[in-house]
Amino acid sequence: MCKSKNEKIARIIGNNVLKARKTGHLIPITQVKAAKEIGISRTAYLNIEKGLVVPKVTVLLDIAKYFNTTINDLLKGVEEI
């Protein structure tokens, strides 16, 4: 079964957000703490990281800022779709 373009984009962004969470801080950050600090619900954050949804640009900017990365890093790989 072929995945839609949106599903592929969501999966790529989710993987990049997970990578940012795992490497963006000196101490491990939980999904709950990340969601709270970013200002979204735990469920919303979990759905982003699992690649189930494509987050709004404003949320991507907040995630990038929190994890000391860029929105370009969070979108890396999307341009290939």
C-alpha atoms as a PDB file:
ATOM      1  CA  MET A   1       0.000   0.000   0.000  1.00  0.00           C
ATOM      2  CA  CYS A   2       1.387   3.397  -0.981  1.00  0.00           C
ATOM      3  CA  LYS A   3       1.618   6.038   1.740  1.00  0.00           C
ATOM      4  CA  SER A   4       0.304   9.483   1.002  1.00  0.00           C
ATOM      5  CA  LYS A   5       2.716  12.379   0.728  1.00  0.00           C
ATOM      6  CA  ASN A   6       1.403  13.814   4.016  1.00  0.00           C
ATOM      7  CA  GLU A   7       2.028  10.525   5.823  1.00  0.00           C
ATOM      8  CA  LYS A   8       5.606  10.425   4.541  1.00  0.00           C
ATOM      9  CA  ILE A   9       6.202  14.031   5.589  1.00  0.00           C
ATOM     10  CA  ALA A  10       4.744  13.370   9.052  1.00  0.00           C
ATOM     11  CA  ARG A  11       7.009  10.333   9.481  1.00  0.00           C
ATOM     12  CA  ILE A  12      10.154  12.259   8.474  1.00  0.00           C
ATOM     13  CA  ILE A  13       9.341  15.177  10.771  1.00  0.00           C
ATOM     14  CA  GLY A  14       8.522  12.783  13.611  1.00  0.00           C
ATOM     15  CA  ASN A  15      11.871  11.040  13.278  1.00  0.00           C
ATOM     16  CA  ASN A  16      13.673  14.387  13.218  1.00  0.00           C
ATOM     17  CA  VAL A  17      11.804  15.607  16.322  1.00  0.00           C
ATOM     18  CA  LEU A  18      12.661  12.365  18.145  1.00  0.00           C
ATOM     19  CA  LYS A  19      16.318  12.795  17.189  1.00  0.00           C
ATOM     20  CA  ALA A  20      16.241  16.403  18.412  1.00  0.00           C
ATOM     21  CA  ARG A  21      14.739  15.324  21.754  1.00  0.00           C
ATOM     22  CA  LYS A  22      17.361  12.639  22.228  1.00  0.00           C
ATOM     23  CA  THR A  23      20.301  14.910  21.339  1.00  0.00           C
ATOM     24  CA  GLY A  24      19.125  18.480  21.999  1.00  0.00           C
ATOM     25  CA  HIS A  25      19.888  18.643  25.728  1.00  0.00           C
ATOM     26  CA  LEU A  26      22.664  17.527  28.025  1.00  0.00           C
ATOM     27  CA  ILE A  27      20.248  15.500  30.162  1.00  0.00           C
ATOM     28  CA  PRO A  28      17.508  13.220  28.794  1.00  0.00           C
ATOM     29  CA  ILE A  29      14.188  14.951  28.172  1.00  0.00           C
ATOM     30  CA  THR A  30      10.917  13.048  28.468  1.00  0.00           C
ATOM     31  CA  GLN A  31       8.076  13.510  26.009  1.00  0.00           C
ATOM     32  CA  VAL A  32       5.940  14.881  28.854  1.00  0.00           C
ATOM     33  CA  LYS A  33       8.528  17.518  29.787  1.00  0.00           C
ATOM     34  CA  ALA A  34       9.121  18.461  26.153  1.00  0.00           C
ATOM     35  CA  ALA A  35       5.390  18.865  25.512  1.00  0.00           C
ATOM     36  CA  LYS A  36       4.923  20.995  28.615  1.00  0.00           C
ATOM     37  CA  GLU A  37       7.897  23.242  27.822  1.00  0.00           C
ATOM     38  CA  ILE A  38       6.839  23.631  24.171  1.00  0.00           C
ATOM     39  CA  GLY A  39       3.270  24.423  25.219  1.00  0.00           C
ATOM     40  CA  ILE A  40       1.366  21.557  23.626  1.00  0.00           C
ATOM     41  CA  SER A  41      -0.384  18.530  25.068  1.00  0.00           C
ATOM     42  CA  ARG A  42       1.487  15.292  25.658  1.00  0.00           C
ATOM     43  CA  THR A  43      -0.796  13.592  23.136  1.00  0.00           C
ATOM     44  CA  ALA A  44      -0.101  16.231  20.490  1.00  0.00           C
ATOM     45  CA  TYR A  45       3.640  15.892  21.063  1.00  0.00           C
ATOM     46  CA  LEU A  46       3.467  12.100  20.993  1.00  0.00           C
ATOM     47  CA  ASN A  47       1.519  12.181  17.710  1.00  0.00           C
ATOM     48  CA  ILE A  48       4.155  14.453  16.171  1.00  0.00           C
ATOM     49  CA  GLU A  49       7.040  12.277  17.318  1.00  0.00           C
ATOM     50  CA  LYS A  50       5.293   9.096  16.126  1.00  0.00           C
ATOM     51  CA  GLY A  51       4.797  10.683  12.717  1.00  0.00           C
ATOM     52  CA  LEU A  52       1.006  10.599  12.887  1.00  0.00           C
ATOM     53  CA  VAL A  53       0.473  14.309  12.188  1.00  0.00           C
ATOM     54  CA  VAL A  54       2.226  17.138  10.394  1.00  0.00           C
ATOM     55  CA  PRO A  55       2.588  19.918  12.976  1.00  0.00           C
ATOM     56  CA  LYS A  56       1.763  23.539  12.292  1.00  0.00           C
ATOM     57  CA  VAL A  57       4.707  25.749  11.400  1.00  0.00           C
ATOM     58  CA  THR A  58       4.361  27.650  14.688  1.00  0.00           C
ATOM     59  CA  VAL A  59       4.680  24.387  16.624  1.00  0.00           C
ATOM     60  CA  LEU A  60       7.716  23.374  14.559  1.00  0.00           C
ATOM     61  CA  LEU A  61       9.317  26.718  15.383  1.00  0.00           C
ATOM     62  CA  ASP A  62       8.638  26.187  19.097  1.00  0.00           C
ATOM     63  CA  ILE A  63      10.078  22.660  18.940  1.00  0.00           C
ATOM     64  CA  ALA A  64      13.182  23.869  17.106  1.00  0.00           C
ATOM     65  CA  LYS A  65      13.729  26.639  19.633  1.00  0.00           C
ATOM     66  CA  TYR A  66      13.281  24.315  22.608  1.00  0.00           C
ATOM     67  CA  PHE A  67      15.712  21.728  21.256  1.00  0.00           C
ATOM     68  CA  ASN A  68      18.284  24.311  20.137  1.00  0.00           C
ATOM     69  CA  THR A  69      18.005  23.335  16.495  1.00  0.00           C
ATOM     70  CA  THR A  70      16.554  24.843  13.326  1.00  0.00           C
ATOM     71  CA  ILE A  71      13.315  24.287  11.506  1.00  0.00           C
ATOM     72  CA  ASN A  72      15.465  23.198   8.546  1.00  0.00           C
ATOM     73  CA  ASP A  73      16.857  20.359  10.666  1.00  0.00           C
ATOM     74  CA  LEU A  74      13.331  19.279  11.632  1.00  0.00           C
ATOM     75  CA  LEU A  75      12.319  19.291   7.948  1.00  0.00           C
ATOM     76  CA  LYS A  76      15.468  17.518   6.721  1.00  0.00           C
ATOM     77  CA  GLY A  77      14.482  14.823   4.236  1.00  0.00           C
ATOM     78  CA  VAL A  78      11.091  16.329   3.391  1.00  0.00           C
ATOM     79  CA  GLU A  79      12.487  18.001   0.273  1.00  0.00           C
ATOM     80  CA  GLU A  80      13.143  14.551  -1.226  1.00  0.00           C
ATOM     81  CA  ILE A  81       9.438  13.684  -1.344  1.00  0.00           C
END
